[in-house]
């Protein structure tokens, strides 16, 4: 529970107990506790780098965040919390063969970010794992289609070609690849 929601819940519970004692009615206390529970389940806060994908009865309700927002408990669910900051994924192509049949071990790191939280949450089941698999496959394809001398002498061109290949495959999931 976020600090804003916690504060409101504590105030409601204390007000409920205070009014319940003043009126000598446990029903008043119960109403305030019920209200506090509803607020605790409804009030959400997304940080500046987060997007919450909300489903209402299984259908897309919207993408919320950053900031304070409400959901309706029971009928609304948070399908995903997407981090829109730049992420890194390390990957390798162990014992890949170049076009001139030289075995090489290549390690790489891609820098990527989610630019469309809705697509990342709904178009693919696990976008992080898919990015890793696409990166490994693209690296193997690039190595297999290149001569060893070209990989060694034209490293920046190879990096850009790999970035473009990965970006083309991940764009439909709402993911942008910034560099390799």
N, C-alpha and C. Protein backbone atom coordinates (compact mmCIF):
# COMPACT_ATOMS: atom_id res chain seq x y z
N UNK A 1 0.86 -1.17 0.00
CA UNK A 1 0.00 0.00 0.00
C UNK A 1 0.90 1.24 0.00
N UNK A 2 0.55 2.20 -0.82
CA UNK A 2 1.35 3.41 -0.93
C UNK A 2 1.10 4.34 0.26
N UNK A 3 1.98 5.30 0.51
CA UNK A 3 1.86 6.17 1.69
C UNK A 3 0.58 7.01 1.71
N UNK A 4 0.13 7.47 0.56
CA UNK A 4 -1.08 8.30 0.53
C UNK A 4 -2.29 7.47 0.95
N UNK A 5 -2.40 6.28 0.38
CA UNK A 5 -3.50 5.39 0.74
C UNK A 5 -3.43 5.01 2.21
N UNK A 6 -2.24 4.70 2.69
CA UNK A 6 -2.07 4.34 4.11
C UNK A 6 -2.54 5.47 5.01
N UNK A 7 -2.17 6.70 4.68
CA UNK A 7 -2.57 7.85 5.49
C UNK A 7 -4.09 7.99 5.53
N UNK A 8 -4.73 7.89 4.37
CA UNK A 8 -6.19 8.03 4.30
C UNK A 8 -6.87 6.91 5.08
N UNK A 9 -6.37 5.68 4.96
CA UNK A 9 -6.95 4.55 5.68
C UNK A 9 -6.83 4.75 7.18
N UNK A 10 -5.67 5.19 7.65
CA UNK A 10 -5.48 5.42 9.10
C UNK A 10 -6.43 6.51 9.58
N UNK A 11 -6.57 7.59 8.83
CA UNK A 11 -7.49 8.68 9.21
C UNK A 11 -8.93 8.15 9.29
N UNK A 12 -9.34 7.37 8.30
CA UNK A 12 -10.71 6.83 8.30
C UNK A 12 -10.94 5.89 9.49
N UNK A 13 -9.98 5.03 9.78
CA UNK A 13 -10.13 4.11 10.92
C UNK A 13 -10.19 4.89 12.23
N UNK A 14 -9.30 5.86 12.40
CA UNK A 14 -9.32 6.67 13.63
C UNK A 14 -10.62 7.46 13.75
N UNK A 15 -11.08 8.03 12.63
CA UNK A 15 -12.35 8.77 12.66
C UNK A 15 -13.50 7.82 13.01
N UNK A 16 -13.46 6.62 12.47
CA UNK A 16 -14.50 5.64 12.78
C UNK A 16 -14.53 5.28 14.24
N UNK A 17 -13.37 5.04 14.82
CA UNK A 17 -13.33 4.73 16.25
C UNK A 17 -13.76 5.92 17.09
N UNK A 18 -13.31 7.12 16.69
CA UNK A 18 -13.69 8.32 17.45
C UNK A 18 -15.18 8.58 17.39
N UNK A 19 -15.76 8.55 16.20
CA UNK A 19 -17.20 8.78 16.06
C UNK A 19 -18.01 7.64 16.69
N UNK A 20 -17.48 6.43 16.61
CA UNK A 20 -18.16 5.29 17.22
C UNK A 20 -18.23 5.43 18.73
N UNK A 21 -17.18 5.94 19.33
CA UNK A 21 -17.19 6.15 20.80
C UNK A 21 -18.10 7.32 21.17
N UNK A 22 -18.06 8.38 20.34
CA UNK A 22 -18.90 9.55 20.65
C UNK A 22 -20.38 9.20 20.55
N UNK A 23 -20.75 8.44 19.55
CA UNK A 23 -22.16 8.10 19.36
C UNK A 23 -22.55 6.80 20.05
N UNK A 24 -21.55 6.13 20.60
CA UNK A 24 -21.74 4.83 21.25
C UNK A 24 -22.44 3.84 20.32
N UNK A 25 -22.03 3.90 19.05
CA UNK A 25 -22.63 3.03 18.05
C UNK A 25 -21.52 2.27 17.31
N UNK A 26 -21.44 0.95 17.50
CA UNK A 26 -20.43 0.18 16.77
C UNK A 26 -20.69 0.17 15.26
N UNK A 27 -21.91 0.46 14.84
CA UNK A 27 -22.22 0.49 13.41
C UNK A 27 -21.44 1.60 12.71
N UNK A 28 -21.30 2.74 13.38
CA UNK A 28 -20.54 3.86 12.80
C UNK A 28 -19.09 3.44 12.60
N UNK A 29 -18.52 2.78 13.60
CA UNK A 29 -17.15 2.29 13.48
C UNK A 29 -17.04 1.30 12.33
N UNK A 30 -18.00 0.41 12.22
CA UNK A 30 -18.00 -0.59 11.14
C UNK A 30 -18.07 0.04 9.77
N UNK A 31 -18.90 1.08 9.63
CA UNK A 31 -19.02 1.77 8.34
C UNK A 31 -17.69 2.40 7.95
N UNK A 32 -17.02 3.05 8.90
CA UNK A 32 -15.74 3.69 8.61
C UNK A 32 -14.65 2.66 8.30
N UNK A 33 -14.68 1.52 8.98
CA UNK A 33 -13.70 0.47 8.69
C UNK A 33 -13.95 -0.11 7.30
N UNK A 34 -15.21 -0.30 6.94
CA UNK A 34 -15.55 -0.77 5.59
C UNK A 34 -15.10 0.24 4.53
N UNK A 35 -15.34 1.52 4.81
CA UNK A 35 -14.91 2.57 3.89
C UNK A 35 -13.38 2.58 3.76
N UNK A 36 -12.67 2.39 4.87
CA UNK A 36 -11.21 2.34 4.84
C UNK A 36 -10.73 1.15 4.00
N UNK A 37 -11.40 0.02 4.12
CA UNK A 37 -11.02 -1.17 3.34
C UNK A 37 -11.23 -0.91 1.85
N UNK A 38 -12.33 -0.27 1.49
CA UNK A 38 -12.60 0.04 0.08
C UNK A 38 -11.55 1.00 -0.47
N UNK A 39 -11.20 2.01 0.31
CA UNK A 39 -10.16 2.97 -0.11
C UNK A 39 -8.83 2.24 -0.28
N UNK A 40 -8.50 1.34 0.64
CA UNK A 40 -7.23 0.60 0.56
C UNK A 40 -7.15 -0.23 -0.71
N UNK A 41 -8.27 -0.77 -1.15
CA UNK A 41 -8.29 -1.59 -2.37
C UNK A 41 -8.42 -0.77 -3.65
N UNK A 42 -8.91 0.47 -3.54
CA UNK A 42 -9.22 1.28 -4.72
C UNK A 42 -8.15 2.29 -5.11
N UNK A 43 -7.53 2.91 -4.15
CA UNK A 43 -6.62 4.03 -4.41
C UNK A 43 -5.21 3.50 -4.69
N UNK A 44 -4.69 3.81 -5.86
CA UNK A 44 -3.36 3.34 -6.29
C UNK A 44 -2.51 4.53 -6.71
N UNK A 45 -1.20 4.36 -6.61
CA UNK A 45 -0.25 5.38 -7.05
C UNK A 45 0.79 4.73 -7.95
N UNK A 46 0.96 5.30 -9.13
CA UNK A 46 2.01 4.85 -10.05
C UNK A 46 3.15 5.86 -10.00
N UNK A 47 4.36 5.36 -9.88
CA UNK A 47 5.53 6.23 -9.88
C UNK A 47 5.73 6.84 -11.27
N UNK A 48 6.62 7.80 -11.36
CA UNK A 48 6.83 8.53 -12.62
C UNK A 48 7.23 7.61 -13.77
N UNK A 49 7.85 6.49 -13.49
CA UNK A 49 8.33 5.59 -14.53
C UNK A 49 7.40 4.39 -14.76
N UNK A 50 6.26 4.36 -14.08
CA UNK A 50 5.38 3.20 -14.15
C UNK A 50 4.09 3.48 -14.91
N UNK A 51 3.59 2.43 -15.54
CA UNK A 51 2.25 2.43 -16.14
C UNK A 51 1.54 1.18 -15.65
N UNK A 52 0.30 1.33 -15.22
CA UNK A 52 -0.52 0.21 -14.77
C UNK A 52 -1.53 -0.10 -15.88
N UNK A 53 -1.58 -1.34 -16.32
CA UNK A 53 -2.55 -1.76 -17.32
C UNK A 53 -3.73 -2.36 -16.56
N UNK A 54 -4.91 -1.72 -16.70
CA UNK A 54 -6.10 -2.08 -15.93
C UNK A 54 -7.10 -2.81 -16.83
N UNK A 55 -7.58 -3.95 -16.35
CA UNK A 55 -8.64 -4.69 -17.02
C UNK A 55 -9.90 -4.61 -16.18
N UNK A 56 -11.03 -4.37 -16.81
CA UNK A 56 -12.32 -4.38 -16.13
C UNK A 56 -13.12 -5.55 -16.68
N UNK A 57 -13.36 -6.51 -15.81
CA UNK A 57 -14.08 -7.73 -16.19
C UNK A 57 -13.42 -8.39 -17.40
N UNK A 58 -12.09 -8.37 -17.44
CA UNK A 58 -11.35 -9.03 -18.50
C UNK A 58 -11.10 -8.21 -19.75
N UNK A 59 -11.69 -7.02 -19.85
CA UNK A 59 -11.49 -6.16 -21.03
C UNK A 59 -10.63 -4.97 -20.63
N UNK A 60 -9.86 -4.48 -21.59
CA UNK A 60 -8.98 -3.36 -21.31
C UNK A 60 -9.79 -2.14 -20.88
N UNK A 61 -9.49 -1.64 -19.69
CA UNK A 61 -10.11 -0.42 -19.18
C UNK A 61 -9.24 0.78 -19.54
N UNK A 62 -7.94 0.60 -19.43
CA UNK A 62 -7.03 1.69 -19.76
C UNK A 62 -5.66 1.48 -19.16
N UNK A 63 -4.78 2.42 -19.48
CA UNK A 63 -3.43 2.43 -18.94
C UNK A 63 -3.34 3.66 -18.05
N UNK A 64 -3.00 3.45 -16.78
CA UNK A 64 -2.98 4.54 -15.80
C UNK A 64 -1.55 4.80 -15.34
N UNK A 65 -1.30 6.05 -15.03
CA UNK A 65 -0.02 6.42 -14.45
C UNK A 65 0.69 7.43 -15.33
N UNK A 66 1.63 8.12 -14.80
CA UNK A 66 1.99 8.16 -13.38
C UNK A 66 1.00 8.99 -12.57
N UNK A 67 1.03 8.78 -11.27
CA UNK A 67 0.19 9.55 -10.37
C UNK A 67 -0.85 8.71 -9.66
N UNK A 68 -1.80 9.40 -9.07
CA UNK A 68 -2.85 8.80 -8.26
C UNK A 68 -4.04 8.43 -9.14
N UNK A 69 -4.60 7.24 -8.93
CA UNK A 69 -5.78 6.83 -9.68
C UNK A 69 -6.59 5.84 -8.87
N UNK A 70 -7.84 5.65 -9.29
CA UNK A 70 -8.76 4.73 -8.61
C UNK A 70 -9.07 3.54 -9.50
N UNK A 71 -9.24 2.39 -8.85
CA UNK A 71 -9.80 1.23 -9.54
C UNK A 71 -11.01 0.77 -8.73
N UNK A 72 -11.89 0.03 -9.37
CA UNK A 72 -13.05 -0.52 -8.66
C UNK A 72 -12.70 -1.94 -8.23
N UNK A 73 -12.61 -2.17 -6.91
CA UNK A 73 -12.25 -3.52 -6.45
C UNK A 73 -13.23 -4.55 -6.99
N UNK A 74 -12.77 -5.73 -7.15
CA UNK A 74 -13.50 -6.91 -7.61
C UNK A 74 -13.66 -6.91 -9.14
N UNK A 75 -14.13 -5.82 -9.76
CA UNK A 75 -14.32 -5.85 -11.22
C UNK A 75 -13.08 -5.38 -11.98
N UNK A 76 -12.23 -4.57 -11.35
CA UNK A 76 -10.99 -4.12 -11.99
C UNK A 76 -9.82 -4.95 -11.48
N UNK A 77 -8.91 -5.27 -12.38
CA UNK A 77 -7.67 -5.93 -11.99
C UNK A 77 -6.50 -5.21 -12.65
N UNK A 78 -5.38 -5.22 -11.96
CA UNK A 78 -4.15 -4.66 -12.53
C UNK A 78 -3.47 -5.82 -13.25
N UNK A 79 -3.52 -5.79 -14.58
CA UNK A 79 -2.96 -6.88 -15.40
C UNK A 79 -1.44 -6.84 -15.41
N UNK A 80 -0.87 -5.64 -15.37
CA UNK A 80 0.59 -5.51 -15.42
C UNK A 80 1.00 -4.15 -14.90
N UNK A 81 2.17 -4.11 -14.31
CA UNK A 81 2.83 -2.85 -13.95
C UNK A 81 4.09 -2.79 -14.80
N UNK A 82 4.12 -1.84 -15.71
CA UNK A 82 5.19 -1.75 -16.70
C UNK A 82 6.16 -0.64 -16.30
N UNK A 83 7.44 -0.97 -16.28
CA UNK A 83 8.51 -0.02 -15.99
C UNK A 83 8.96 0.58 -17.32
N UNK A 84 8.82 1.89 -17.48
CA UNK A 84 9.16 2.54 -18.75
C UNK A 84 10.58 3.12 -18.78
N UNK A 85 11.37 2.82 -17.77
CA UNK A 85 12.76 3.27 -17.79
C UNK A 85 13.57 2.39 -18.75
N UNK A 86 14.76 2.85 -19.10
CA UNK A 86 15.64 2.06 -19.96
C UNK A 86 16.10 0.84 -19.17
N UNK A 87 15.98 -0.33 -19.80
CA UNK A 87 16.37 -1.61 -19.20
C UNK A 87 17.56 -2.18 -19.98
N UNK A 88 18.27 -3.10 -19.36
CA UNK A 88 19.36 -3.79 -20.05
C UNK A 88 19.12 -5.29 -20.02
N UNK A 89 19.56 -5.95 -21.06
CA UNK A 89 19.51 -7.41 -21.13
C UNK A 89 20.83 -7.88 -21.71
N UNK A 90 21.53 -8.72 -20.95
CA UNK A 90 22.77 -9.32 -21.44
C UNK A 90 22.43 -10.65 -22.09
N UNK A 91 23.08 -10.94 -23.19
CA UNK A 91 22.82 -12.20 -23.89
C UNK A 91 24.08 -12.61 -24.63
N UNK A 92 24.12 -13.87 -25.08
CA UNK A 92 25.29 -14.35 -25.81
C UNK A 92 24.87 -15.40 -26.83
N UNK A 93 25.80 -15.69 -27.71
CA UNK A 93 25.60 -16.75 -28.71
C UNK A 93 26.79 -17.69 -28.57
N UNK A 94 26.67 -18.65 -27.69
CA UNK A 94 27.79 -19.57 -27.43
C UNK A 94 28.02 -20.47 -28.64
N UNK A 95 29.27 -20.55 -29.05
CA UNK A 95 29.71 -21.42 -30.14
C UNK A 95 28.88 -21.25 -31.41
N UNK A 96 28.64 -20.03 -31.80
CA UNK A 96 27.99 -19.77 -33.09
C UNK A 96 29.05 -19.81 -34.18
N UNK A 97 28.66 -20.26 -35.35
CA UNK A 97 29.59 -20.34 -36.48
C UNK A 97 29.39 -19.15 -37.40
N UNK A 98 30.50 -18.52 -37.78
CA UNK A 98 30.44 -17.45 -38.76
C UNK A 98 30.23 -18.06 -40.15
N UNK A 99 30.03 -17.20 -41.14
CA UNK A 99 29.80 -17.69 -42.51
C UNK A 99 31.01 -18.47 -43.02
N UNK A 100 32.21 -18.11 -42.55
CA UNK A 100 33.42 -18.84 -42.95
C UNK A 100 33.74 -19.98 -41.97
N UNK A 101 32.73 -20.46 -41.25
CA UNK A 101 32.75 -21.62 -40.34
C UNK A 101 33.80 -21.52 -39.23
N UNK A 102 33.97 -20.34 -38.69
CA UNK A 102 34.84 -20.16 -37.53
C UNK A 102 33.94 -20.08 -36.30
N UNK A 103 34.16 -20.94 -35.29
CA UNK A 103 33.32 -20.87 -34.09
C UNK A 103 33.71 -19.65 -33.23
N UNK A 104 32.72 -18.89 -32.81
CA UNK A 104 32.97 -17.71 -31.97
C UNK A 104 31.99 -17.69 -30.81
N UNK A 105 32.45 -17.10 -29.72
CA UNK A 105 31.59 -16.82 -28.57
C UNK A 105 31.43 -15.31 -28.50
N UNK A 106 30.21 -14.83 -28.58
CA UNK A 106 29.96 -13.39 -28.57
C UNK A 106 28.98 -13.06 -27.46
N UNK A 107 29.33 -12.06 -26.66
CA UNK A 107 28.44 -11.55 -25.62
C UNK A 107 28.00 -10.15 -26.03
N UNK A 108 26.78 -9.80 -25.66
CA UNK A 108 26.28 -8.46 -25.99
C UNK A 108 25.29 -8.02 -24.92
N UNK A 109 25.04 -6.74 -24.90
CA UNK A 109 24.04 -6.15 -24.00
C UNK A 109 23.18 -5.22 -24.85
N UNK A 110 21.86 -5.35 -24.70
CA UNK A 110 20.98 -4.42 -25.39
C UNK A 110 20.34 -3.49 -24.36
N UNK A 111 20.14 -2.27 -24.78
CA UNK A 111 19.44 -1.27 -23.97
C UNK A 111 18.09 -1.04 -24.64
N UNK A 112 17.02 -1.20 -23.87
CA UNK A 112 15.68 -1.11 -24.43
C UNK A 112 14.74 -0.48 -23.41
N UNK A 113 13.59 -0.05 -23.91
CA UNK A 113 12.56 0.50 -23.03
C UNK A 113 11.19 0.22 -23.64
N UNK A 114 10.21 0.13 -22.76
CA UNK A 114 8.83 -0.04 -23.20
C UNK A 114 8.27 1.33 -23.55
N UNK A 115 7.79 1.50 -24.77
CA UNK A 115 7.18 2.78 -25.16
C UNK A 115 5.66 2.68 -25.24
N UNK A 116 5.12 1.47 -25.23
CA UNK A 116 3.67 1.27 -25.27
C UNK A 116 3.31 0.18 -24.26
N UNK A 117 2.91 0.60 -23.06
CA UNK A 117 2.63 -0.35 -21.98
C UNK A 117 1.48 -1.29 -22.32
N UNK A 118 0.50 -0.81 -23.03
CA UNK A 118 -0.65 -1.64 -23.40
C UNK A 118 -0.21 -2.82 -24.27
N UNK A 119 0.60 -2.56 -25.27
CA UNK A 119 1.08 -3.64 -26.14
C UNK A 119 1.99 -4.60 -25.38
N UNK A 120 2.87 -4.06 -24.54
CA UNK A 120 3.79 -4.92 -23.79
C UNK A 120 3.04 -5.87 -22.86
N UNK A 121 1.92 -5.41 -22.32
CA UNK A 121 1.15 -6.24 -21.39
C UNK A 121 0.21 -7.20 -22.09
N UNK A 122 -0.35 -6.79 -23.23
CA UNK A 122 -1.42 -7.57 -23.84
C UNK A 122 -1.04 -8.32 -25.12
N UNK A 123 0.01 -7.91 -25.81
CA UNK A 123 0.36 -8.55 -27.08
C UNK A 123 1.23 -9.80 -26.91
N UNK A 124 1.91 -9.92 -25.78
CA UNK A 124 2.82 -11.05 -25.56
C UNK A 124 2.80 -11.39 -24.07
N UNK A 125 2.96 -12.68 -23.77
CA UNK A 125 2.80 -13.10 -22.37
C UNK A 125 3.96 -12.64 -21.48
N UNK A 126 5.19 -12.67 -21.98
CA UNK A 126 6.35 -12.27 -21.17
C UNK A 126 7.33 -11.52 -22.07
N UNK A 127 7.17 -10.20 -22.14
CA UNK A 127 7.97 -9.43 -23.08
C UNK A 127 9.45 -9.45 -22.73
N UNK A 128 9.81 -9.54 -21.45
CA UNK A 128 11.23 -9.58 -21.07
C UNK A 128 11.91 -10.84 -21.60
N UNK A 129 11.28 -11.97 -21.41
CA UNK A 129 11.85 -13.23 -21.90
C UNK A 129 11.88 -13.22 -23.43
N UNK A 130 10.86 -12.69 -24.06
CA UNK A 130 10.82 -12.64 -25.52
C UNK A 130 11.94 -11.76 -26.07
N UNK A 131 12.22 -10.65 -25.41
CA UNK A 131 13.32 -9.78 -25.84
C UNK A 131 14.64 -10.54 -25.77
N UNK A 132 14.85 -11.27 -24.69
CA UNK A 132 16.07 -12.06 -24.54
C UNK A 132 16.20 -13.09 -25.66
N UNK A 133 15.12 -13.80 -25.96
CA UNK A 133 15.15 -14.83 -27.00
C UNK A 133 15.36 -14.22 -28.39
N UNK A 134 14.68 -13.12 -28.67
CA UNK A 134 14.85 -12.45 -29.96
C UNK A 134 16.28 -11.94 -30.11
N UNK A 135 16.85 -11.40 -29.03
CA UNK A 135 18.22 -10.89 -29.08
C UNK A 135 19.21 -12.03 -29.37
N UNK A 136 19.05 -13.16 -28.68
CA UNK A 136 19.94 -14.29 -28.92
C UNK A 136 19.82 -14.81 -30.35
N UNK A 137 18.60 -14.96 -30.82
CA UNK A 137 18.37 -15.46 -32.17
C UNK A 137 18.94 -14.50 -33.21
N UNK A 138 18.72 -13.21 -33.02
CA UNK A 138 19.22 -12.21 -33.97
C UNK A 138 20.74 -12.19 -33.98
N UNK A 139 21.36 -12.35 -32.81
CA UNK A 139 22.82 -12.38 -32.73
C UNK A 139 23.36 -13.59 -33.49
N UNK A 140 22.75 -14.75 -33.28
CA UNK A 140 23.19 -15.96 -34.00
C UNK A 140 23.02 -15.79 -35.52
N UNK A 141 21.89 -15.20 -35.93
CA UNK A 141 21.66 -14.98 -37.36
C UNK A 141 22.71 -14.04 -37.94
N UNK A 142 23.04 -12.97 -37.19
CA UNK A 142 24.03 -12.02 -37.68
C UNK A 142 25.41 -12.68 -37.78
N UNK A 143 25.78 -13.45 -36.77
CA UNK A 143 27.08 -14.13 -36.79
C UNK A 143 27.13 -15.12 -37.95
N UNK A 144 26.07 -15.89 -38.13
CA UNK A 144 26.04 -16.89 -39.19
C UNK A 144 26.09 -16.32 -40.59
N UNK A 145 25.67 -15.08 -40.75
CA UNK A 145 25.68 -14.47 -42.08
C UNK A 145 26.89 -13.57 -42.31
N UNK A 146 27.80 -13.51 -41.35
CA UNK A 146 28.96 -12.61 -41.46
C UNK A 146 30.27 -13.39 -41.45
N UNK A 147 31.25 -12.82 -42.11
CA UNK A 147 32.60 -13.37 -42.06
C UNK A 147 33.25 -12.87 -40.77
N UNK A 148 34.16 -13.66 -40.22
CA UNK A 148 34.83 -13.28 -38.98
C UNK A 148 35.56 -11.95 -39.14
N UNK A 149 36.24 -11.76 -40.26
CA UNK A 149 36.99 -10.52 -40.48
C UNK A 149 36.06 -9.30 -40.48
N UNK A 150 34.86 -9.46 -41.04
CA UNK A 150 33.90 -8.35 -41.05
C UNK A 150 33.39 -8.05 -39.65
N UNK A 151 33.14 -9.09 -38.86
CA UNK A 151 32.69 -8.87 -37.48
C UNK A 151 33.73 -8.12 -36.66
N UNK A 152 35.00 -8.46 -36.89
CA UNK A 152 36.07 -7.83 -36.12
C UNK A 152 36.38 -6.42 -36.58
N UNK A 153 36.32 -6.17 -37.88
CA UNK A 153 36.71 -4.86 -38.40
C UNK A 153 35.56 -3.85 -38.46
N UNK A 154 34.33 -4.33 -38.55
CA UNK A 154 33.18 -3.43 -38.69
C UNK A 154 32.22 -3.61 -37.51
N UNK A 155 32.76 -3.45 -36.34
CA UNK A 155 31.98 -3.73 -35.13
C UNK A 155 30.78 -2.79 -34.97
N UNK A 156 30.98 -1.51 -35.23
CA UNK A 156 29.87 -0.56 -35.07
C UNK A 156 28.74 -0.85 -36.06
N UNK A 157 29.09 -1.21 -37.27
CA UNK A 157 28.07 -1.54 -38.27
C UNK A 157 27.33 -2.81 -37.85
N UNK A 158 28.05 -3.78 -37.30
CA UNK A 158 27.42 -5.01 -36.82
C UNK A 158 26.48 -4.71 -35.65
N UNK A 159 26.91 -3.84 -34.74
CA UNK A 159 26.06 -3.45 -33.61
C UNK A 159 24.77 -2.79 -34.09
N UNK A 160 24.90 -1.89 -35.06
CA UNK A 160 23.72 -1.19 -35.58
C UNK A 160 22.79 -2.14 -36.32
N UNK A 161 23.36 -3.06 -37.09
CA UNK A 161 22.54 -4.05 -37.80
C UNK A 161 21.80 -4.94 -36.80
N UNK A 162 22.47 -5.33 -35.73
CA UNK A 162 21.84 -6.15 -34.70
C UNK A 162 20.75 -5.37 -33.98
N UNK A 163 21.01 -4.10 -33.67
CA UNK A 163 20.00 -3.26 -33.01
C UNK A 163 18.76 -3.14 -33.89
N UNK A 164 18.97 -2.89 -35.18
CA UNK A 164 17.84 -2.73 -36.10
C UNK A 164 17.04 -4.03 -36.23
N UNK A 165 17.74 -5.16 -36.27
CA UNK A 165 17.04 -6.45 -36.39
C UNK A 165 16.20 -6.74 -35.15
N UNK A 166 16.76 -6.48 -33.98
CA UNK A 166 16.02 -6.72 -32.73
C UNK A 166 14.86 -5.73 -32.62
N UNK A 167 15.11 -4.47 -32.95
CA UNK A 167 14.07 -3.44 -32.86
C UNK A 167 12.90 -3.76 -33.78
N UNK A 168 13.17 -4.27 -34.97
CA UNK A 168 12.10 -4.60 -35.91
C UNK A 168 11.20 -5.70 -35.36
N UNK A 169 11.80 -6.66 -34.66
CA UNK A 169 11.03 -7.78 -34.12
C UNK A 169 10.27 -7.42 -32.84
N UNK A 170 10.79 -6.46 -32.06
CA UNK A 170 10.16 -6.13 -30.78
C UNK A 170 9.21 -4.94 -30.85
N UNK A 171 9.20 -4.21 -31.94
CA UNK A 171 8.36 -3.01 -32.05
C UNK A 171 6.88 -3.33 -31.88
N UNK A 172 6.44 -4.48 -32.38
CA UNK A 172 5.02 -4.85 -32.26
C UNK A 172 4.61 -5.14 -30.82
N UNK A 173 5.58 -5.29 -29.93
CA UNK A 173 5.27 -5.52 -28.50
C UNK A 173 5.34 -4.23 -27.70
N UNK A 174 5.56 -3.09 -28.36
CA UNK A 174 5.65 -1.82 -27.66
C UNK A 174 7.01 -1.57 -27.04
N UNK A 175 8.05 -2.20 -27.60
CA UNK A 175 9.40 -2.09 -27.05
C UNK A 175 10.31 -1.43 -28.08
N UNK A 176 11.13 -0.46 -27.62
CA UNK A 176 12.12 0.20 -28.47
C UNK A 176 13.51 -0.23 -28.02
N UNK A 177 14.36 -0.57 -28.96
CA UNK A 177 15.75 -0.92 -28.66
C UNK A 177 16.58 0.31 -28.97
N UNK A 178 17.28 0.83 -27.95
CA UNK A 178 18.04 2.07 -28.15
C UNK A 178 19.47 1.82 -28.60
N UNK A 179 20.11 0.76 -28.09
CA UNK A 179 21.48 0.46 -28.53
C UNK A 179 21.87 -0.96 -28.15
N UNK A 180 22.94 -1.41 -28.81
CA UNK A 180 23.51 -2.74 -28.53
C UNK A 180 24.96 -2.53 -28.19
